[in-house]
Amino acid sequence: MKRAVREDALVQLEFLIGKWEVKLSSPQKHTQSIFGETTFDWMEKEQFIVQRTLMNKPQFPRSRGVTPLYNMSLEDNVRKLWRDTSDFSPLEFRQRFTGEVNESKDTIRSAWEKSFHGLDWEYDFELNIKR
């Protein structure tokens, strides 16, 4: 990727930097919402972004020190994440996330999906973050 294109792409992610409130819910599974916070920080001279999340339920996977590595895209105010290969942690199932960023860039409404074989995807849970 050319330097100017890369720098432009990183500028588009600037709105993520900082602390956000998190609400995880699964209406289809009739469970109570789980709350927490997530923080986005620059690392490696603003060439990468690291996201750290702490939820108020210890059984939530990210609260147990799981550190998966996700691919990400941001286009037309739609943020996508996906994981389909093993990395720092085993890949028990594939995951993908689609989040709509509101116009003021202070809320992202999203949903996670999972697939055990990469063919059939099923709704997993809703995840909303806001400033």
N, C-alpha and C. Protein backbone atom coordinates (compact mmCIF):
# COMPACT_ATOMS: atom_id res chain seq x y z
N MET A 1 0.84 -1.17 0.00
CA MET A 1 0.00 0.00 0.00
C MET A 1 0.89 1.24 0.00
N LYS A 2 0.59 2.20 -0.86
CA LYS A 2 1.37 3.42 -0.92
C LYS A 2 1.24 4.19 0.38
N ARG A 3 2.30 4.90 0.73
CA ARG A 3 2.34 5.62 2.00
C ARG A 3 1.17 6.60 2.16
N ALA A 4 0.85 7.39 1.14
CA ALA A 4 -0.24 8.36 1.24
C ALA A 4 -1.58 7.67 1.45
N VAL A 5 -1.80 6.56 0.77
CA VAL A 5 -3.05 5.81 0.91
C VAL A 5 -3.14 5.24 2.32
N ARG A 6 -2.03 4.69 2.81
CA ARG A 6 -1.99 4.12 4.16
C ARG A 6 -2.27 5.21 5.21
N GLU A 7 -1.62 6.36 5.06
CA GLU A 7 -1.83 7.45 6.02
C GLU A 7 -3.28 7.92 6.01
N ASP A 8 -3.90 8.01 4.84
CA ASP A 8 -5.30 8.40 4.74
C ASP A 8 -6.19 7.37 5.44
N ALA A 9 -5.89 6.09 5.27
CA ALA A 9 -6.67 5.04 5.92
C ALA A 9 -6.56 5.13 7.44
N LEU A 10 -5.37 5.42 7.94
CA LEU A 10 -5.17 5.54 9.38
C LEU A 10 -5.89 6.77 9.94
N VAL A 11 -5.92 7.86 9.20
CA VAL A 11 -6.64 9.07 9.64
C VAL A 11 -8.12 8.75 9.82
N GLN A 12 -8.68 7.91 8.96
CA GLN A 12 -10.10 7.55 9.06
C GLN A 12 -10.41 6.79 10.35
N LEU A 13 -9.40 6.18 10.95
CA LEU A 13 -9.60 5.41 12.18
C LEU A 13 -9.42 6.25 13.44
N GLU A 14 -9.00 7.47 13.30
CA GLU A 14 -8.70 8.34 14.44
C GLU A 14 -9.88 8.44 15.42
N PHE A 15 -11.11 8.44 14.92
CA PHE A 15 -12.27 8.58 15.79
C PHE A 15 -12.39 7.44 16.81
N LEU A 16 -11.77 6.30 16.53
CA LEU A 16 -11.85 5.16 17.45
C LEU A 16 -11.02 5.37 18.72
N ILE A 17 -9.96 6.14 18.64
CA ILE A 17 -9.00 6.27 19.74
C ILE A 17 -9.69 6.83 20.99
N GLY A 18 -9.50 6.12 22.11
CA GLY A 18 -10.08 6.54 23.38
C GLY A 18 -10.93 5.45 24.00
N LYS A 19 -11.67 5.83 25.05
CA LYS A 19 -12.48 4.89 25.82
C LYS A 19 -13.94 4.93 25.38
N TRP A 20 -14.56 3.76 25.30
CA TRP A 20 -15.95 3.60 24.90
C TRP A 20 -16.68 2.72 25.91
N GLU A 21 -17.99 2.95 26.07
CA GLU A 21 -18.84 2.07 26.87
C GLU A 21 -19.34 0.94 25.97
N VAL A 22 -19.45 -0.26 26.52
CA VAL A 22 -19.86 -1.44 25.75
C VAL A 22 -21.13 -2.03 26.34
N LYS A 23 -22.04 -2.43 25.45
CA LYS A 23 -23.23 -3.18 25.86
C LYS A 23 -23.36 -4.38 24.92
N LEU A 24 -23.30 -5.56 25.49
CA LEU A 24 -23.44 -6.81 24.74
C LEU A 24 -24.78 -7.42 25.11
N SER A 25 -25.57 -7.77 24.10
CA SER A 25 -26.85 -8.40 24.38
C SER A 25 -27.15 -9.45 23.32
N SER A 26 -28.00 -10.37 23.70
CA SER A 26 -28.40 -11.43 22.78
C SER A 26 -29.90 -11.65 22.93
N PRO A 27 -30.71 -10.78 22.32
CA PRO A 27 -32.16 -10.90 22.47
C PRO A 27 -32.71 -12.27 22.09
N GLN A 28 -32.12 -12.90 21.09
CA GLN A 28 -32.61 -14.20 20.66
C GLN A 28 -32.33 -15.29 21.69
N LYS A 29 -31.32 -15.07 22.53
CA LYS A 29 -30.96 -16.07 23.54
C LYS A 29 -31.57 -15.73 24.90
N HIS A 30 -32.32 -14.62 24.97
CA HIS A 30 -33.02 -14.20 26.19
C HIS A 30 -32.08 -14.12 27.40
N THR A 31 -30.93 -13.52 27.20
CA THR A 31 -29.99 -13.35 28.30
C THR A 31 -29.93 -11.88 28.68
N GLN A 32 -29.47 -11.61 29.90
CA GLN A 32 -29.31 -10.23 30.34
C GLN A 32 -28.13 -9.60 29.62
N SER A 33 -28.20 -8.29 29.45
CA SER A 33 -27.11 -7.57 28.82
C SER A 33 -25.87 -7.60 29.71
N ILE A 34 -24.72 -7.55 29.08
CA ILE A 34 -23.44 -7.50 29.77
C ILE A 34 -22.81 -6.15 29.42
N PHE A 35 -22.26 -5.48 30.41
CA PHE A 35 -21.69 -4.15 30.19
C PHE A 35 -20.19 -4.18 30.45
N GLY A 36 -19.51 -3.22 29.87
CA GLY A 36 -18.07 -3.11 30.07
C GLY A 36 -17.54 -1.87 29.39
N GLU A 37 -16.24 -1.89 29.12
CA GLU A 37 -15.62 -0.78 28.41
C GLU A 37 -14.55 -1.31 27.47
N THR A 38 -14.32 -0.56 26.43
CA THR A 38 -13.26 -0.91 25.49
C THR A 38 -12.46 0.35 25.20
N THR A 39 -11.17 0.16 25.00
CA THR A 39 -10.28 1.28 24.72
C THR A 39 -9.48 0.97 23.46
N PHE A 40 -9.41 1.94 22.58
CA PHE A 40 -8.58 1.84 21.37
C PHE A 40 -7.38 2.75 21.56
N ASP A 41 -6.18 2.22 21.32
CA ASP A 41 -4.95 2.99 21.45
C ASP A 41 -4.07 2.78 20.23
N TRP A 42 -3.31 3.82 19.89
CA TRP A 42 -2.30 3.68 18.85
C TRP A 42 -1.12 2.89 19.40
N MET A 43 -0.45 2.17 18.55
CA MET A 43 0.81 1.53 18.92
C MET A 43 1.75 1.57 17.72
N GLU A 44 3.01 1.33 17.95
CA GLU A 44 4.02 1.32 16.89
C GLU A 44 3.97 2.58 16.03
N LYS A 45 4.13 3.74 16.68
CA LYS A 45 4.19 5.03 15.98
C LYS A 45 2.95 5.28 15.11
N GLU A 46 1.79 4.95 15.67
CA GLU A 46 0.50 5.15 15.01
C GLU A 46 0.37 4.38 13.70
N GLN A 47 0.95 3.19 13.66
CA GLN A 47 0.82 2.32 12.50
C GLN A 47 -0.19 1.21 12.72
N PHE A 48 -0.53 0.96 13.99
CA PHE A 48 -1.48 -0.09 14.35
C PHE A 48 -2.37 0.43 15.47
N ILE A 49 -3.56 -0.18 15.58
CA ILE A 49 -4.46 0.13 16.69
C ILE A 49 -4.68 -1.15 17.48
N VAL A 50 -4.59 -1.03 18.79
CA VAL A 50 -4.88 -2.15 19.67
C VAL A 50 -6.18 -1.83 20.41
N GLN A 51 -7.04 -2.83 20.53
CA GLN A 51 -8.30 -2.68 21.26
C GLN A 51 -8.25 -3.57 22.48
N ARG A 52 -8.54 -2.99 23.64
CA ARG A 52 -8.59 -3.75 24.89
C ARG A 52 -10.00 -3.61 25.46
N THR A 53 -10.60 -4.74 25.83
CA THR A 53 -11.97 -4.75 26.31
C THR A 53 -12.03 -5.45 27.66
N LEU A 54 -12.78 -4.87 28.58
CA LEU A 54 -13.00 -5.45 29.89
C LEU A 54 -14.50 -5.48 30.14
N MET A 55 -15.05 -6.67 30.33
CA MET A 55 -16.49 -6.83 30.56
C MET A 55 -16.73 -7.15 32.03
N ASN A 56 -17.95 -6.89 32.51
CA ASN A 56 -18.25 -7.11 33.92
C ASN A 56 -18.62 -8.56 34.25
N LYS A 57 -18.50 -9.46 33.30
CA LYS A 57 -18.76 -10.89 33.53
C LYS A 57 -17.50 -11.67 33.20
N PRO A 58 -16.87 -12.32 34.17
CA PRO A 58 -15.61 -13.02 33.90
C PRO A 58 -15.72 -14.16 32.91
N GLN A 59 -16.91 -14.73 32.72
CA GLN A 59 -17.03 -15.83 31.76
C GLN A 59 -17.03 -15.33 30.32
N PHE A 60 -17.12 -14.01 30.12
CA PHE A 60 -17.05 -13.47 28.77
C PHE A 60 -15.65 -13.71 28.24
N PRO A 61 -15.49 -14.34 27.07
CA PRO A 61 -14.17 -14.79 26.59
C PRO A 61 -13.07 -13.74 26.63
N ARG A 62 -13.32 -12.51 26.25
CA ARG A 62 -12.25 -11.52 26.20
C ARG A 62 -11.79 -11.11 27.59
N SER A 63 -12.57 -11.43 28.61
CA SER A 63 -12.17 -11.12 29.98
C SER A 63 -11.25 -12.19 30.55
N ARG A 64 -11.01 -13.26 29.80
CA ARG A 64 -10.17 -14.36 30.27
C ARG A 64 -8.79 -14.34 29.64
N GLY A 65 -8.42 -13.23 29.04
CA GLY A 65 -7.09 -13.13 28.47
C GLY A 65 -6.96 -13.70 27.07
N VAL A 66 -8.07 -13.97 26.39
CA VAL A 66 -8.02 -14.44 25.02
C VAL A 66 -7.60 -13.27 24.14
N THR A 67 -6.65 -13.50 23.25
CA THR A 67 -6.13 -12.40 22.43
C THR A 67 -6.17 -12.74 20.95
N PRO A 68 -7.34 -12.81 20.36
CA PRO A 68 -7.41 -13.10 18.93
C PRO A 68 -6.99 -11.89 18.10
N LEU A 69 -6.58 -12.15 16.89
CA LEU A 69 -6.19 -11.11 15.95
C LEU A 69 -7.23 -11.06 14.84
N TYR A 70 -7.84 -9.89 14.64
CA TYR A 70 -8.90 -9.74 13.64
C TYR A 70 -8.43 -8.89 12.47
N ASN A 71 -8.95 -9.18 11.30
CA ASN A 71 -8.82 -8.30 10.15
C ASN A 71 -9.89 -7.23 10.30
N MET A 72 -9.66 -6.05 9.71
CA MET A 72 -10.64 -4.98 9.84
C MET A 72 -10.73 -4.16 8.57
N SER A 73 -11.94 -3.67 8.29
CA SER A 73 -12.13 -2.70 7.22
C SER A 73 -13.11 -1.64 7.71
N LEU A 74 -13.02 -0.45 7.13
CA LEU A 74 -13.94 0.64 7.43
C LEU A 74 -14.23 1.35 6.12
N GLU A 75 -15.47 1.24 5.68
CA GLU A 75 -15.86 1.84 4.41
C GLU A 75 -17.30 2.31 4.50
N ASP A 76 -17.54 3.56 4.10
CA ASP A 76 -18.89 4.13 4.13
C ASP A 76 -19.55 3.98 5.50
N ASN A 77 -18.80 4.28 6.55
CA ASN A 77 -19.27 4.21 7.94
C ASN A 77 -19.72 2.81 8.36
N VAL A 78 -19.19 1.79 7.72
CA VAL A 78 -19.44 0.41 8.13
C VAL A 78 -18.10 -0.21 8.51
N ARG A 79 -18.00 -0.58 9.78
CA ARG A 79 -16.78 -1.21 10.28
C ARG A 79 -16.99 -2.72 10.28
N LYS A 80 -16.05 -3.44 9.70
CA LYS A 80 -16.13 -4.90 9.66
C LYS A 80 -14.88 -5.50 10.30
N LEU A 81 -15.09 -6.56 11.04
CA LEU A 81 -14.00 -7.36 11.61
C LEU A 81 -14.27 -8.80 11.23
N TRP A 82 -13.21 -9.58 11.04
CA TRP A 82 -13.39 -11.00 10.78
C TRP A 82 -12.15 -11.77 11.21
N ARG A 83 -12.40 -13.01 11.57
CA ARG A 83 -11.33 -13.92 11.99
C ARG A 83 -11.65 -15.29 11.43
N ASP A 84 -10.78 -15.78 10.54
CA ASP A 84 -11.04 -17.08 9.94
C ASP A 84 -9.81 -17.99 9.93
N THR A 85 -8.78 -17.59 10.68
CA THR A 85 -7.59 -18.44 10.82
C THR A 85 -7.10 -18.37 12.27
N SER A 86 -6.36 -19.38 12.70
CA SER A 86 -5.78 -19.38 14.04
C SER A 86 -4.70 -18.31 14.12
N ASP A 87 -4.49 -17.78 15.30
CA ASP A 87 -3.43 -16.80 15.51
C ASP A 87 -2.83 -17.03 16.90
N PHE A 88 -3.02 -16.10 17.83
CA PHE A 88 -2.49 -16.26 19.18
C PHE A 88 -3.33 -17.21 20.02
N SER A 89 -4.53 -17.49 19.56
CA SER A 89 -5.42 -18.40 20.28
C SER A 89 -6.04 -19.36 19.26
N PRO A 90 -6.47 -20.54 19.70
CA PRO A 90 -7.04 -21.52 18.77
C PRO A 90 -8.30 -20.98 18.09
N LEU A 91 -8.57 -21.48 16.91
CA LEU A 91 -9.77 -21.09 16.18
C LEU A 91 -10.80 -22.20 16.31
N GLU A 92 -11.72 -22.03 17.26
CA GLU A 92 -12.78 -23.02 17.45
C GLU A 92 -13.91 -22.79 16.46
N PHE A 93 -14.08 -21.53 16.04
CA PHE A 93 -15.09 -21.18 15.05
C PHE A 93 -14.69 -19.85 14.41
N ARG A 94 -15.19 -19.61 13.22
CA ARG A 94 -14.93 -18.36 12.53
C ARG A 94 -15.89 -17.29 13.06
N GLN A 95 -15.44 -16.03 13.00
CA GLN A 95 -16.27 -14.93 13.48
C GLN A 95 -16.26 -13.79 12.48
N ARG A 96 -17.36 -13.05 12.45
CA ARG A 96 -17.39 -11.80 11.69
C ARG A 96 -18.31 -10.82 12.39
N PHE A 97 -18.00 -9.56 12.20
CA PHE A 97 -18.66 -8.45 12.89
C PHE A 97 -18.96 -7.39 11.85
N THR A 98 -20.17 -6.84 11.90
CA THR A 98 -20.52 -5.71 11.05
C THR A 98 -21.12 -4.64 11.95
N GLY A 99 -20.52 -3.45 11.93
CA GLY A 99 -20.97 -2.36 12.78
C GLY A 99 -21.21 -1.09 11.99
N GLU A 100 -22.33 -0.46 12.24
CA GLU A 100 -22.65 0.81 11.60
C GLU A 100 -22.23 1.95 12.51
N VAL A 101 -21.37 2.82 11.99
CA VAL A 101 -20.89 3.98 12.72
C VAL A 101 -21.85 5.13 12.44
N ASN A 102 -22.37 5.77 13.51
CA ASN A 102 -23.31 6.87 13.28
C ASN A 102 -22.57 8.10 12.73
N GLU A 103 -23.34 9.08 12.28
CA GLU A 103 -22.76 10.24 11.60
C GLU A 103 -21.80 11.03 12.48
N SER A 104 -22.10 11.14 13.79
CA SER A 104 -21.22 11.88 14.68
C SER A 104 -20.04 11.03 15.19
N LYS A 105 -19.99 9.78 14.76
CA LYS A 105 -18.90 8.85 15.08
C LYS A 105 -18.71 8.64 16.58
N ASP A 106 -19.83 8.63 17.33
CA ASP A 106 -19.74 8.37 18.77
C ASP A 106 -20.52 7.13 19.19
N THR A 107 -21.06 6.40 18.22
CA THR A 107 -21.79 5.17 18.49
C THR A 107 -21.56 4.19 17.34
N ILE A 108 -21.33 2.93 17.69
CA ILE A 108 -21.24 1.87 16.69
C ILE A 108 -22.22 0.77 17.10
N ARG A 109 -23.24 0.55 16.28
CA ARG A 109 -24.23 -0.51 16.52
C ARG A 109 -23.84 -1.69 15.65
N SER A 110 -23.67 -2.85 16.28
CA SER A 110 -23.11 -3.97 15.53
C SER A 110 -23.67 -5.31 15.97
N ALA A 111 -23.34 -6.31 15.18
CA ALA A 111 -23.71 -7.69 15.50
C ALA A 111 -22.55 -8.61 15.13
N TRP A 112 -22.35 -9.64 15.94
CA TRP A 112 -21.37 -10.68 15.66
C TRP A 112 -22.08 -11.90 15.13
N GLU A 113 -21.43 -12.59 14.21
CA GLU A 113 -21.92 -13.86 13.70
C GLU A 113 -20.80 -14.89 13.84
N LYS A 114 -21.17 -16.17 13.85
CA LYS A 114 -20.15 -17.22 13.94
C LYS A 114 -20.49 -18.35 12.98
N SER A 115 -19.46 -19.09 12.62
CA SER A 115 -19.62 -20.24 11.73
C SER A 115 -18.60 -21.30 12.14
N PHE A 116 -19.04 -22.52 12.27
CA PHE A 116 -18.13 -23.59 12.66
C PHE A 116 -17.38 -24.18 11.47
N HIS A 117 -17.90 -23.97 10.25
CA HIS A 117 -17.25 -24.53 9.07
C HIS A 117 -16.99 -23.49 7.98
N GLY A 118 -17.39 -22.24 8.22
CA GLY A 118 -17.16 -21.19 7.24
C GLY A 118 -18.21 -21.11 6.15
N LEU A 119 -19.24 -21.93 6.24
CA LEU A 119 -20.28 -21.92 5.22
C LEU A 119 -21.57 -21.30 5.74
N ASP A 120 -22.11 -21.87 6.80
CA ASP A 120 -23.36 -21.38 7.38
C ASP A 120 -23.04 -20.45 8.55
N TRP A 121 -23.53 -19.22 8.47
CA TRP A 121 -23.28 -18.23 9.52
C TRP A 121 -24.53 -18.07 10.36
N GLU A 122 -24.34 -17.93 11.67
CA GLU A 122 -25.47 -17.72 12.57
C GLU A 122 -25.21 -16.51 13.46
N TYR A 123 -26.29 -15.82 13.79
CA TYR A 123 -26.23 -14.68 14.70
C TYR A 123 -25.66 -15.14 16.03
N ASP A 124 -24.73 -14.37 16.59
CA ASP A 124 -24.15 -14.71 17.89
C ASP A 124 -24.64 -13.73 18.95
N PHE A 125 -24.33 -12.44 18.79
CA PHE A 125 -24.80 -11.45 19.75
C PHE A 125 -24.68 -10.05 19.17
N GLU A 126 -25.38 -9.12 19.81
CA GLU A 126 -25.33 -7.71 19.45
C GLU A 126 -24.31 -7.03 20.35
N LEU A 127 -23.54 -6.13 19.78
CA LEU A 127 -22.53 -5.40 20.54
C LEU A 127 -22.60 -3.93 20.13
N ASN A 128 -22.90 -3.08 21.08
CA ASN A 128 -22.99 -1.65 20.80
C ASN A 128 -22.00 -0.92 21.68
N ILE A 129 -21.28 0.02 21.07
CA ILE A 129 -20.34 0.83 21.84
C ILE A 129 -20.64 2.30 21.61
N LYS A 130 -20.45 3.10 22.66
CA LYS A 130 -20.70 4.53 22.54
C LYS A 130 -19.76 5.29 23.46
N ARG A 131 -19.53 6.54 23.12
CA ARG A 131 -18.68 7.43 23.94
C ARG A 131 -19.42 7.82 25.18
